[in-house]
Amino acid sequence: MPTSQPAANRLFEDFQLNETWESPPTVVTADEIVAFGRDFDPQPMHTDAARAADGPFNGLIASGWHVAAISWREFHRAGGYGSTPVVGLGVDDLRWHRPVRAGDTVTVQREVIELRRSSSAPTHGIVRTRVSVRNQNGETAMTLLTASRIPCRGLV
């Protein structure tokens, strides 16, 4: 599979089927888990280490929504779409396979699995990607499919 490094400005024609991208390893801290949990998923397993120790996961874990947000943040930081205006169209098949714990190091992978011109907005294309988040042991923590609408060359 070809691997591409994100460009400063990417349009639909710049994407290739099967191209892949991988983030640098990212450590998930207890402070980040608790802050995200307090703001967006205030369950004890995400906000209170003492209570989480007695819970079903035997310790503090990141909210699945936090892991999904990390996957987007890392792709954005790397300039995955560059400065191109992108509209997210949706997420399919979101699955959380195993918890992400404080101190885990995660790596995000994206693979382009479909490229097609939009039938409703022909000045744009649809890029579908398969996303996976793995921990430091190579175990899959989360997977999902994304669809984004991206402008075509010469039409923006």
Protein backbone atom coordinates (compact mmCIF):
# COMPACT_ATOMS: atom_id res chain seq x y z
CA MET A 1 0.00 0.00 0.00
CA PRO A 2 1.34 3.44 -0.80
CA THR A 3 1.88 5.76 2.13
CA SER A 4 1.50 9.48 1.61
CA GLN A 5 2.52 12.45 3.67
CA PRO A 6 -0.21 15.08 3.87
CA ALA A 7 0.27 18.11 1.64
CA ALA A 8 -0.39 21.74 2.52
CA ASN A 9 -3.55 21.84 0.40
CA ARG A 10 -5.21 18.64 -0.82
CA LEU A 11 -8.08 18.43 -3.24
CA PHE A 12 -10.11 15.40 -4.23
CA GLU A 13 -7.78 14.47 -7.12
CA ASP A 14 -4.80 14.37 -4.75
CA PHE A 15 -6.10 11.33 -2.89
CA GLN A 16 -5.31 7.78 -3.97
CA LEU A 17 -7.20 4.60 -3.21
CA ASN A 18 -5.38 2.57 -0.52
CA GLU A 19 -3.13 5.46 0.53
CA THR A 20 -2.39 5.27 4.23
CA TRP A 21 -1.34 7.65 6.95
CA GLU A 22 -0.11 6.92 10.47
CA SER A 23 0.19 9.35 13.36
CA PRO A 24 3.13 9.68 15.66
CA PRO A 25 2.59 7.82 18.94
CA THR A 26 0.54 9.85 21.42
CA VAL A 27 0.48 9.27 25.18
CA VAL A 28 -2.97 9.54 26.77
CA THR A 29 -2.65 11.01 30.27
CA ALA A 30 -4.89 10.65 33.32
CA ASP A 31 -5.36 14.43 33.37
CA GLU A 32 -6.62 14.41 29.76
CA ILE A 33 -8.96 11.49 30.47
CA VAL A 34 -10.47 13.20 33.50
CA ALA A 35 -10.79 16.60 31.78
CA PHE A 36 -12.55 15.11 28.75
CA GLY A 37 -14.72 12.95 30.97
CA ARG A 38 -15.81 15.89 33.13
CA ASP A 39 -16.75 17.92 30.07
CA PHE A 40 -18.30 15.29 27.81
CA ASP A 41 -18.79 11.86 29.46
CA PRO A 42 -19.05 12.33 33.24
CA GLN A 43 -19.06 8.69 34.32
CA PRO A 44 -16.82 7.67 37.24
CA MET A 45 -14.73 5.36 35.02
CA HIS A 46 -13.62 8.52 33.16
CA THR A 47 -13.55 11.09 35.97
CA ASP A 48 -12.63 9.48 39.30
CA ALA A 49 -9.64 7.15 39.55
CA ALA A 50 -10.63 5.86 43.01
CA ARG A 51 -14.18 4.96 41.97
CA ALA A 52 -12.94 3.64 38.61
CA ALA A 53 -10.65 1.19 40.44
CA ASP A 54 -13.75 -0.56 41.79
CA GLY A 55 -15.59 -0.39 38.46
CA PRO A 56 -15.93 -2.82 35.56
CA PHE A 57 -12.58 -1.80 34.02
CA ASN A 58 -10.58 -1.85 37.29
CA GLY A 59 -9.24 1.63 36.69
CA LEU A 60 -9.56 4.93 34.88
CA ILE A 61 -10.23 4.67 31.13
CA ALA A 62 -10.69 7.20 28.35
CA SER A 63 -14.19 7.78 27.06
CA GLY A 64 -14.66 6.21 23.65
CA TRP A 65 -15.62 9.66 22.43
CA HIS A 66 -12.27 10.92 23.70
CA VAL A 67 -10.48 8.23 21.66
CA ALA A 68 -12.49 9.23 18.58
CA ALA A 69 -11.56 12.88 19.18
CA ILE A 70 -7.88 11.93 19.50
CA SER A 71 -8.07 10.17 16.13
CA TRP A 72 -9.36 13.34 14.46
CA ARG A 73 -6.97 15.65 16.36
CA GLU A 74 -3.91 13.69 15.28
CA PHE A 75 -5.00 13.59 11.62
CA HIS A 76 -5.72 17.32 11.69
CA ARG A 77 -2.39 18.13 13.41
CA ALA A 78 -0.55 16.26 10.68
CA GLY A 79 -2.34 18.29 8.01
CA GLY A 80 -4.29 15.35 6.58
CA TYR A 81 -6.48 17.61 4.47
CA GLY A 82 -4.12 20.57 4.56
CA SER A 83 -5.90 23.91 4.45
CA THR A 84 -8.64 22.52 2.20
CA PRO A 85 -12.16 23.12 3.54
CA VAL A 86 -13.60 19.69 4.34
CA VAL A 87 -17.12 18.78 5.35
CA GLY A 88 -17.55 15.63 7.40
CA LEU A 89 -20.49 13.64 6.09
CA GLY A 90 -20.61 10.93 8.71
CA VAL A 91 -19.10 8.07 10.63
CA ASP A 92 -20.06 4.43 10.17
CA ASP A 93 -19.24 1.24 12.03
CA LEU A 94 -17.77 2.94 15.10
CA ARG A 95 -16.50 0.23 17.44
CA TRP A 96 -14.63 0.42 20.71
CA HIS A 97 -12.69 -2.84 21.02
CA ARG A 98 -10.73 -2.29 24.23
CA PRO A 99 -10.26 0.50 26.73
CA VAL A 100 -7.55 3.14 26.48
CA ARG A 101 -6.00 3.64 29.88
CA ALA A 102 -3.96 6.44 31.42
CA GLY A 103 -0.38 6.05 30.22
CA ASP A 104 -1.31 4.15 27.04
CA THR A 105 0.41 5.29 23.87
CA VAL A 106 -1.92 5.27 20.87
CA THR A 107 -1.23 5.43 17.16
CA VAL A 108 -3.90 6.35 14.62
CA GLN A 109 -4.02 4.86 11.13
CA ARG A 110 -6.19 6.02 8.23
CA GLU A 111 -6.60 4.28 4.90
CA VAL A 112 -8.48 5.67 1.90
CA ILE A 113 -11.01 2.98 0.97
CA GLU A 114 -13.25 4.80 -1.52
CA LEU A 115 -13.04 7.80 -3.84
CA ARG A 116 -16.04 9.00 -5.84
CA ARG A 117 -17.41 12.19 -7.28
CA SER A 118 -20.40 13.51 -5.38
CA SER A 119 -23.64 13.10 -7.32
CA SER A 120 -25.38 15.87 -5.35
CA ALA A 121 -22.44 18.32 -5.42
CA PRO A 122 -20.33 17.55 -8.54
CA THR A 123 -17.76 20.21 -7.61
CA HIS A 124 -16.75 17.91 -4.76
CA GLY A 125 -15.63 14.36 -4.22
CA ILE A 126 -16.30 11.92 -1.41
CA VAL A 127 -13.30 10.41 0.38
CA ARG A 128 -14.05 7.46 2.65
CA THR A 129 -11.43 6.28 5.11
CA ARG A 130 -10.98 3.38 7.50
CA VAL A 131 -9.60 4.56 10.83
CA SER A 132 -8.05 2.43 13.53
CA VAL A 133 -6.52 3.39 16.87
CA ARG A 134 -4.02 0.96 18.36
CA ASN A 135 -2.28 0.94 21.71
CA GLN A 136 1.42 0.45 22.41
CA ASN A 137 0.96 -3.33 22.20
CA GLY A 138 -0.54 -3.14 18.72
CA GLU A 139 -4.00 -3.99 20.06
CA THR A 140 -6.92 -2.28 18.36
CA ALA A 141 -8.78 0.06 20.70
CA MET A 142 -11.19 1.66 18.20
CA THR A 143 -12.20 1.44 14.55
CA LEU A 144 -14.53 3.51 12.39
CA LEU A 145 -15.24 4.53 8.81
CA THR A 146 -15.47 8.19 7.79
CA ALA A 147 -16.87 10.04 4.80
CA SER A 148 -15.78 13.57 3.91
CA ARG A 149 -16.71 15.94 1.10
CA ILE A 150 -13.65 17.55 -0.47
CA PRO A 151 -13.49 20.17 -3.26
CA CYS A 152 -12.31 19.08 -6.71
CA ARG A 153 -9.44 20.75 -8.55
CA GLY A 154 -10.30 23.75 -10.66
CA LEU A 155 -13.77 24.00 -9.20
CA VAL A 156 -13.09 25.81 -5.92
